[in-house]
Amino acid sequence: MSRKLESIDIEVNERKGTPMPTWEVIIPGKRSIGIIEQEEERYHVVSSKTNHSLYSKTLESAINELLSYFTLHEK
């Protein structure tokens, strides 16, 4: 079963005052879909709804992984 393709507008906001570089990925006006933390040489992604963890090598791939997970499992 395939899903209809749709565009999701997101914002990636850097969080200040955290011990490690951290970004929050949100759908404007709706909700947060996850947090990305830089841990040494990789990025740790945690989804907001299910607290599912993913790891990526770049920030861009971490954002894409989070969006893919959100679209398939949380939407």
PDB file of N, CA and C in Angstrom:
ATOM      1  N   MET A   1       0.831  -1.159   0.000  1.00  0.00           N
ATOM      2  CA  MET A   1       0.000   0.000   0.000  1.00  0.00           C
ATOM      3  C   MET A   1       0.892   1.244   0.000  1.00  0.00           C
ATOM      4  N   SER A   2       0.677   2.121  -0.916  1.00  0.00           N
ATOM      5  CA  SER A   2       1.494   3.327  -0.989  1.00  0.00           C
ATOM      6  C   SER A   2       0.705   4.520  -0.465  1.00  0.00           C
ATOM      7  N   ARG A   3       1.450   5.504  -0.016  1.00  0.00           N
ATOM      8  CA  ARG A   3       0.827   6.725   0.479  1.00  0.00           C
ATOM      9  C   ARG A   3       0.923   7.814  -0.576  1.00  0.00           C
ATOM     10  N   LYS A   4      -0.047   8.695  -0.544  1.00  0.00           N
ATOM     11  CA  LYS A   4      -0.028   9.850  -1.432  1.00  0.00           C
ATOM     12  C   LYS A   4       1.120  10.761  -1.006  1.00  0.00           C
ATOM     13  N   LEU A   5       1.907  11.234  -1.968  1.00  0.00           N
ATOM     14  CA  LEU A   5       3.006  12.145  -1.662  1.00  0.00           C
ATOM     15  C   LEU A   5       2.473  13.509  -1.260  1.00  0.00           C
ATOM     16  N   GLU A   6       3.050  14.065  -0.216  1.00  0.00           N
ATOM     17  CA  GLU A   6       2.685  15.416   0.195  1.00  0.00           C
ATOM     18  C   GLU A   6       3.907  16.105   0.767  1.00  0.00           C
ATOM     19  N   SER A   7       3.898  17.393   0.696  1.00  0.00           N
ATOM     20  CA  SER A   7       4.998  18.190   1.206  1.00  0.00           C
ATOM     21  C   SER A   7       4.722  18.554   2.665  1.00  0.00           C
ATOM     22  N   ILE A   8       5.745  18.401   3.509  1.00  0.00           N
ATOM     23  CA  ILE A   8       5.625  18.772   4.916  1.00  0.00           C
ATOM     24  C   ILE A   8       6.560  19.954   5.159  1.00  0.00           C
ATOM     25  N   ASP A   9       5.995  21.077   5.570  1.00  0.00           N
ATOM     26  CA  ASP A   9       6.812  22.238   5.937  1.00  0.00           C
ATOM     27  C   ASP A   9       7.353  22.019   7.336  1.00  0.00           C
ATOM     28  N   ILE A  10       8.651  22.230   7.513  1.00  0.00           N
ATOM     29  CA  ILE A  10       9.265  22.053   8.823  1.00  0.00           C
ATOM     30  C   ILE A  10      10.159  23.240   9.148  1.00  0.00           C
ATOM     31  N   GLU A  11      10.468  23.364  10.417  1.00  0.00           N
ATOM     32  CA  GLU A  11      11.474  24.314  10.892  1.00  0.00           C
ATOM     33  C   GLU A  11      12.467  23.526  11.723  1.00  0.00           C
ATOM     34  N   VAL A  12      13.738  23.878  11.595  1.00  0.00           N
ATOM     35  CA  VAL A  12      14.781  23.271  12.416  1.00  0.00           C
ATOM     36  C   VAL A  12      15.374  24.402  13.248  1.00  0.00           C
ATOM     37  N   ASN A  13      15.145  24.332  14.554  1.00  0.00           N
ATOM     38  CA  ASN A  13      15.577  25.388  15.467  1.00  0.00           C
ATOM     39  C   ASN A  13      16.651  24.865  16.402  1.00  0.00           C
ATOM     40  N   GLU A  14      17.738  25.630  16.516  1.00  0.00           N
ATOM     41  CA  GLU A  14      18.806  25.248  17.431  1.00  0.00           C
ATOM     42  C   GLU A  14      18.404  25.631  18.844  1.00  0.00           C
ATOM     43  N   ARG A  15      18.614  24.718  19.778  1.00  0.00           N
ATOM     44  CA  ARG A  15      18.323  24.978  21.189  1.00  0.00           C
ATOM     45  C   ARG A  15      19.576  25.528  21.855  1.00  0.00           C
ATOM     46  N   LYS A  16      19.424  26.595  22.585  1.00  0.00           N
ATOM     47  CA  LYS A  16      20.542  27.206  23.304  1.00  0.00           C
ATOM     48  C   LYS A  16      20.539  26.714  24.748  1.00  0.00           C
ATOM     49  N   GLY A  17      21.700  26.752  25.392  1.00  0.00           N
ATOM     50  CA  GLY A  17      21.798  26.396  26.796  1.00  0.00           C
ATOM     51  C   GLY A  17      21.818  24.903  27.066  1.00  0.00           C
ATOM     52  N   THR A  18      22.136  24.102  26.073  1.00  0.00           N
ATOM     53  CA  THR A  18      22.237  22.657  26.269  1.00  0.00           C
ATOM     54  C   THR A  18      23.713  22.264  26.258  1.00  0.00           C
ATOM     55  N   PRO A  19      24.070  21.184  26.958  1.00  0.00           N
ATOM     56  CA  PRO A  19      25.482  20.797  27.036  1.00  0.00           C
ATOM     57  C   PRO A  19      26.081  20.342  25.697  1.00  0.00           C
ATOM     58  N   MET A  20      25.240  19.875  24.785  1.00  0.00           N
ATOM     59  CA  MET A  20      25.713  19.463  23.456  1.00  0.00           C
ATOM     60  C   MET A  20      24.854  20.149  22.401  1.00  0.00           C
ATOM     61  N   PRO A  21      25.380  20.325  21.180  1.00  0.00           N
ATOM     62  CA  PRO A  21      24.575  20.950  20.127  1.00  0.00           C
ATOM     63  C   PRO A  21      23.273  20.173  19.913  1.00  0.00           C
ATOM     64  N   THR A  22      22.143  20.890  19.964  1.00  0.00           N
ATOM     65  CA  THR A  22      20.827  20.260  19.885  1.00  0.00           C
ATOM     66  C   THR A  22      19.913  21.075  18.981  1.00  0.00           C
ATOM     67  N   TRP A  23      19.108  20.383  18.174  1.00  0.00           N
ATOM     68  CA  TRP A  23      18.137  21.012  17.294  1.00  0.00           C
ATOM     69  C   TRP A  23      16.772  20.378  17.509  1.00  0.00           C
ATOM     70  N   GLU A  24      15.727  21.181  17.364  1.00  0.00           N
ATOM     71  CA  GLU A  24      14.357  20.684  17.449  1.00  0.00           C
ATOM     72  C   GLU A  24      13.728  20.835  16.071  1.00  0.00           C
ATOM     73  N   VAL A  25      13.097  19.772  15.582  1.00  0.00           N
ATOM     74  CA  VAL A  25      12.424  19.784  14.285  1.00  0.00           C
ATOM     75  C   VAL A  25      10.934  19.889  14.563  1.00  0.00           C
ATOM     76  N   ILE A  26      10.304  20.935  14.015  1.00  0.00           N
ATOM     77  CA  ILE A  26       8.886  21.152  14.280  1.00  0.00           C
ATOM     78  C   ILE A  26       8.115  21.387  12.988  1.00  0.00           C
ATOM     79  N   ILE A  27       6.816  21.108  13.057  1.00  0.00           N
ATOM     80  CA  ILE A  27       5.889  21.500  12.006  1.00  0.00           C
ATOM     81  C   ILE A  27       5.280  22.800  12.503  1.00  0.00           C
ATOM     82  N   PRO A  28       5.523  23.924  11.820  1.00  0.00           N
ATOM     83  CA  PRO A  28       5.076  25.229  12.317  1.00  0.00           C
ATOM     84  C   PRO A  28       3.574  25.253  12.631  1.00  0.00           C
ATOM     85  N   GLY A  29       3.246  25.754  13.811  1.00  0.00           N
ATOM     86  CA  GLY A  29       1.858  25.896  14.209  1.00  0.00           C
ATOM     87  C   GLY A  29       1.206  24.617  14.688  1.00  0.00           C
ATOM     88  N   LYS A  30       1.932  23.502  14.659  1.00  0.00           N
ATOM     89  CA  LYS A  30       1.321  22.240  15.059  1.00  0.00           C
ATOM     90  C   LYS A  30       2.041  21.602  16.233  1.00  0.00           C
ATOM     91  N   ARG A  31       3.227  21.027  15.979  1.00  0.00           N
ATOM     92  CA  ARG A  31       3.898  20.303  17.055  1.00  0.00           C
ATOM     93  C   ARG A  31       5.355  20.008  16.715  1.00  0.00           C
ATOM     94  N   SER A  32       6.070  19.574  17.728  1.00  0.00           N
ATOM     95  CA  SER A  32       7.449  19.122  17.565  1.00  0.00           C
ATOM     96  C   SER A  32       7.417  17.669  17.092  1.00  0.00           C
ATOM     97  N   ILE A  33       8.279  17.329  16.137  1.00  0.00           N
ATOM     98  CA  ILE A  33       8.316  15.927  15.703  1.00  0.00           C
ATOM     99  C   ILE A  33       9.575  15.220  16.171  1.00  0.00           C
ATOM    100  N   GLY A  34      10.554  15.968  16.694  1.00  0.00           N
ATOM    101  CA  GLY A  34      11.731  15.297  17.216  1.00  0.00           C
ATOM    102  C   GLY A  34      12.851  16.229  17.596  1.00  0.00           C
ATOM    103  N   ILE A  35      13.838  15.630  18.270  1.00  0.00           N
ATOM    104  CA  ILE A  35      15.033  16.326  18.734  1.00  0.00           C
ATOM    105  C   ILE A  35      16.248  15.639  18.119  1.00  0.00           C
ATOM    106  N   ILE A  36      17.237  16.444  17.721  1.00  0.00           N
ATOM    107  CA  ILE A  36      18.495  15.911  17.186  1.00  0.00           C
ATOM    108  C   ILE A  36      19.624  16.444  18.058  1.00  0.00           C
ATOM    109  N   GLU A  37      20.458  15.540  18.566  1.00  0.00           N
ATOM    110  CA  GLU A  37      21.607  15.920  19.388  1.00  0.00           C
ATOM    111  C   GLU A  37      22.880  15.426  18.724  1.00  0.00           C
ATOM    112  N   GLN A  38      23.899  16.272  18.698  1.00  0.00           N
ATOM    113  CA  GLN A  38      25.179  15.856  18.134  1.00  0.00           C
ATOM    114  C   GLN A  38      25.995  15.189  19.237  1.00  0.00           C
ATOM    115  N   GLU A  39      26.332  13.934  19.014  1.00  0.00           N
ATOM    116  CA  GLU A  39      27.135  13.158  19.966  1.00  0.00           C
ATOM    117  C   GLU A  39      28.428  12.752  19.267  1.00  0.00           C
ATOM    118  N   GLU A  40      29.511  13.389  19.623  1.00  0.00           N
ATOM    119  CA  GLU A  40      30.822  13.150  19.021  1.00  0.00           C
ATOM    120  C   GLU A  40      30.744  13.275  17.510  1.00  0.00           C
ATOM    121  N   GLU A  41      30.851  12.181  16.772  1.00  0.00           N
ATOM    122  CA  GLU A  41      30.898  12.238  15.300  1.00  0.00           C
ATOM    123  C   GLU A  41      29.586  11.845  14.636  1.00  0.00           C
ATOM    124  N   ARG A  42      28.502  11.715  15.404  1.00  0.00           N
ATOM    125  CA  ARG A  42      27.229  11.332  14.812  1.00  0.00           C
ATOM    126  C   ARG A  42      26.090  12.108  15.462  1.00  0.00           C
ATOM    127  N   TYR A  43      24.912  11.974  14.878  1.00  0.00           N
ATOM    128  CA  TYR A  43      23.733  12.697  15.332  1.00  0.00           C
ATOM    129  C   TYR A  43      22.698  11.702  15.846  1.00  0.00           C
ATOM    130  N   HIS A  44      22.212  11.945  17.056  1.00  0.00           N
ATOM    131  CA  HIS A  44      21.219  11.086  17.687  1.00  0.00           C
ATOM    132  C   HIS A  44      19.858  11.747  17.520  1.00  0.00           C
ATOM    133  N   VAL A  45      18.925  11.031  16.895  1.00  0.00           N
ATOM    134  CA  VAL A  45      17.593  11.537  16.610  1.00  0.00           C
ATOM    135  C   VAL A  45      16.605  10.820  17.525  1.00  0.00           C
ATOM    136  N   VAL A  46      15.723  11.582  18.178  1.00  0.00           N
ATOM    137  CA  VAL A  46      14.692  10.997  19.031  1.00  0.00           C
ATOM    138  C   VAL A  46      13.349  11.576  18.600  1.00  0.00           C
ATOM    139  N   SER A  47      12.406  10.702  18.217  1.00  0.00           N
ATOM    140  CA  SER A  47      11.085  11.183  17.818  1.00  0.00           C
ATOM    141  C   SER A  47      10.308  11.618  19.055  1.00  0.00           C
ATOM    142  N   SER A  48       9.492  12.642  18.913  1.00  0.00           N
ATOM    143  CA  SER A  48       8.761  13.195  20.051  1.00  0.00           C
ATOM    144  C   SER A  48       7.643  12.287  20.539  1.00  0.00           C
ATOM    145  N   LYS A  49       6.923  11.680  19.624  1.00  0.00           N
ATOM    146  CA  LYS A  49       5.741  10.908  20.011  1.00  0.00           C
ATOM    147  C   LYS A  49       6.089   9.560  20.636  1.00  0.00           C
ATOM    148  N   THR A  50       7.011   8.828  20.022  1.00  0.00           N
ATOM    149  CA  THR A  50       7.291   7.462  20.488  1.00  0.00           C
ATOM    150  C   THR A  50       8.654   7.305  21.140  1.00  0.00           C
ATOM    151  N   ASN A  51       9.461   8.362  21.169  1.00  0.00           N
ATOM    152  CA  ASN A  51      10.828   8.310  21.707  1.00  0.00           C
ATOM    153  C   ASN A  51      11.697   7.275  21.002  1.00  0.00           C
ATOM    154  N   HIS A  52      11.419   7.010  19.735  1.00  0.00           N
ATOM    155  CA  HIS A  52      12.223   6.088  18.934  1.00  0.00           C
ATOM    156  C   HIS A  52      13.558   6.751  18.612  1.00  0.00           C
ATOM    157  N   SER A  53      14.660   6.022  18.753  1.00  0.00           N
ATOM    158  CA  SER A  53      15.998   6.557  18.505  1.00  0.00           C
ATOM    159  C   SER A  53      16.545   6.112  17.164  1.00  0.00           C
ATOM    160  N   LEU A  54      17.210   7.041  16.482  1.00  0.00           N
ATOM    161  CA  LEU A  54      17.893   6.778  15.221  1.00  0.00           C
ATOM    162  C   LEU A  54      19.250   7.472  15.291  1.00  0.00           C
ATOM    163  N   TYR A  55      20.209   7.008  14.489  1.00  0.00           N
ATOM    164  CA  TYR A  55      21.527   7.640  14.423  1.00  0.00           C
ATOM    165  C   TYR A  55      21.887   7.908  12.976  1.00  0.00           C
ATOM    166  N   SER A  56      22.532   9.053  12.735  1.00  0.00           N
ATOM    167  CA  SER A  56      22.962   9.434  11.395  1.00  0.00           C
ATOM    168  C   SER A  56      24.341  10.063  11.458  1.00  0.00           C
ATOM    169  N   LYS A  57      24.995  10.139  10.294  1.00  0.00           N
ATOM    170  CA  LYS A  57      26.342  10.698  10.225  1.00  0.00           C
ATOM    171  C   LYS A  57      26.360  12.204   9.989  1.00  0.00           C
ATOM    172  N   THR A  58      25.286  12.757   9.409  1.00  0.00           N
ATOM    173  CA  THR A  58      25.229  14.191   9.147  1.00  0.00           C
ATOM    174  C   THR A  58      23.905  14.759   9.665  1.00  0.00           C
ATOM    175  N   LEU A  59      23.871  16.057   9.877  1.00  0.00           N
ATOM    176  CA  LEU A  59      22.648  16.701  10.335  1.00  0.00           C
ATOM    177  C   LEU A  59      21.548  16.576   9.283  1.00  0.00           C
ATOM    178  N   GLU A  60      21.904  16.753   8.030  1.00  0.00           N
ATOM    179  CA  GLU A  60      20.921  16.650   6.957  1.00  0.00           C
ATOM    180  C   GLU A  60      20.296  15.257   6.894  1.00  0.00           C
ATOM    181  N   SER A  61      21.114  14.220   7.010  1.00  0.00           N
ATOM    182  CA  SER A  61      20.559  12.867   6.974  1.00  0.00           C
ATOM    183  C   SER A  61      19.740  12.578   8.232  1.00  0.00           C
ATOM    184  N   ALA A  62      20.102  13.185   9.366  1.00  0.00           N
ATOM    185  CA  ALA A  62      19.322  13.020  10.596  1.00  0.00           C
ATOM    186  C   ALA A  62      17.928  13.622  10.420  1.00  0.00           C
ATOM    187  N   ILE A  63      17.860  14.794   9.801  1.00  0.00           N
ATOM    188  CA  ILE A  63      16.562  15.429   9.546  1.00  0.00           C
ATOM    189  C   ILE A  63      15.735  14.567   8.603  1.00  0.00           C
ATOM    190  N   ASN A  64      16.352  14.058   7.545  1.00  0.00           N
ATOM    191  CA  ASN A  64      15.637  13.210   6.593  1.00  0.00           C
ATOM    192  C   ASN A  64      15.152  11.913   7.242  1.00  0.00           C
ATOM    193  N   GLU A  65      15.970  11.309   8.098  1.00  0.00           N
ATOM    194  CA  GLU A  65      15.567  10.090   8.812  1.00  0.00           C
ATOM    195  C   GLU A  65      14.368  10.364   9.707  1.00  0.00           C
ATOM    196  N   LEU A  66      14.394  11.482  10.415  1.00  0.00           N
ATOM    197  CA  LEU A  66      13.285  11.836  11.301  1.00  0.00           C
ATOM    198  C   LEU A  66      12.010  12.061  10.501  1.00  0.00           C
ATOM    199  N   LEU A  67      12.102  12.767   9.388  1.00  0.00           N
ATOM    200  CA  LEU A  67      10.920  13.000   8.552  1.00  0.00           C
ATOM    201  C   LEU A  67      10.369  11.703   7.978  1.00  0.00           C
ATOM    202  N   SER A  68      11.248  10.814   7.549  1.00  0.00           N
ATOM    203  CA  SER A  68      10.809   9.522   7.023  1.00  0.00           C
ATOM    204  C   SER A  68      10.102   8.710   8.099  1.00  0.00           C
ATOM    205  N   TYR A  69      10.693   8.667   9.283  1.00  0.00           N
ATOM    206  CA  TYR A  69      10.092   7.924  10.396  1.00  0.00           C
ATOM    207  C   TYR A  69       8.731   8.528  10.756  1.00  0.00           C
ATOM    208  N   PHE A  70       8.650   9.847  10.832  1.00  0.00           N
ATOM    209  CA  PHE A  70       7.406  10.528  11.156  1.00  0.00           C
ATOM    210  C   PHE A  70       6.330  10.201  10.123  1.00  0.00           C
ATOM    211  N   THR A  71       6.677  10.277   8.849  1.00  0.00           N
ATOM    212  CA  THR A  71       5.711  10.034   7.787  1.00  0.00           C
ATOM    213  C   THR A  71       5.210   8.588   7.810  1.00  0.00           C
ATOM    214  N   LEU A  72       6.074   7.639   8.075  1.00  0.00           N
ATOM    215  CA  LEU A  72       5.678   6.232   8.048  1.00  0.00           C
ATOM    216  C   LEU A  72       4.996   5.746   9.321  1.00  0.00           C
ATOM    217  N   HIS A  73       5.397   6.257  10.484  1.00  0.00           N
ATOM    218  CA  HIS A  73       4.946   5.653  11.734  1.00  0.00           C
ATOM    219  C   HIS A  73       4.106   6.539  12.645  1.00  0.00           C
ATOM    220  N   GLU A  74       4.240   7.844  12.545  1.00  0.00           N
ATOM    221  CA  GLU A  74       3.590   8.693  13.534  1.00  0.00           C
ATOM    222  C   GLU A  74       2.457   9.536  12.995  1.00  0.00           C
ATOM    223  N   LYS A  75       2.403   9.713  11.724  1.00  0.00           N
ATOM    224  CA  LYS A  75       1.423  10.625  11.138  1.00  0.00           C
ATOM    225  C   LYS A  75       0.022  10.098  11.254  1.00  0.00           C
TER     226      LYS A  75
END
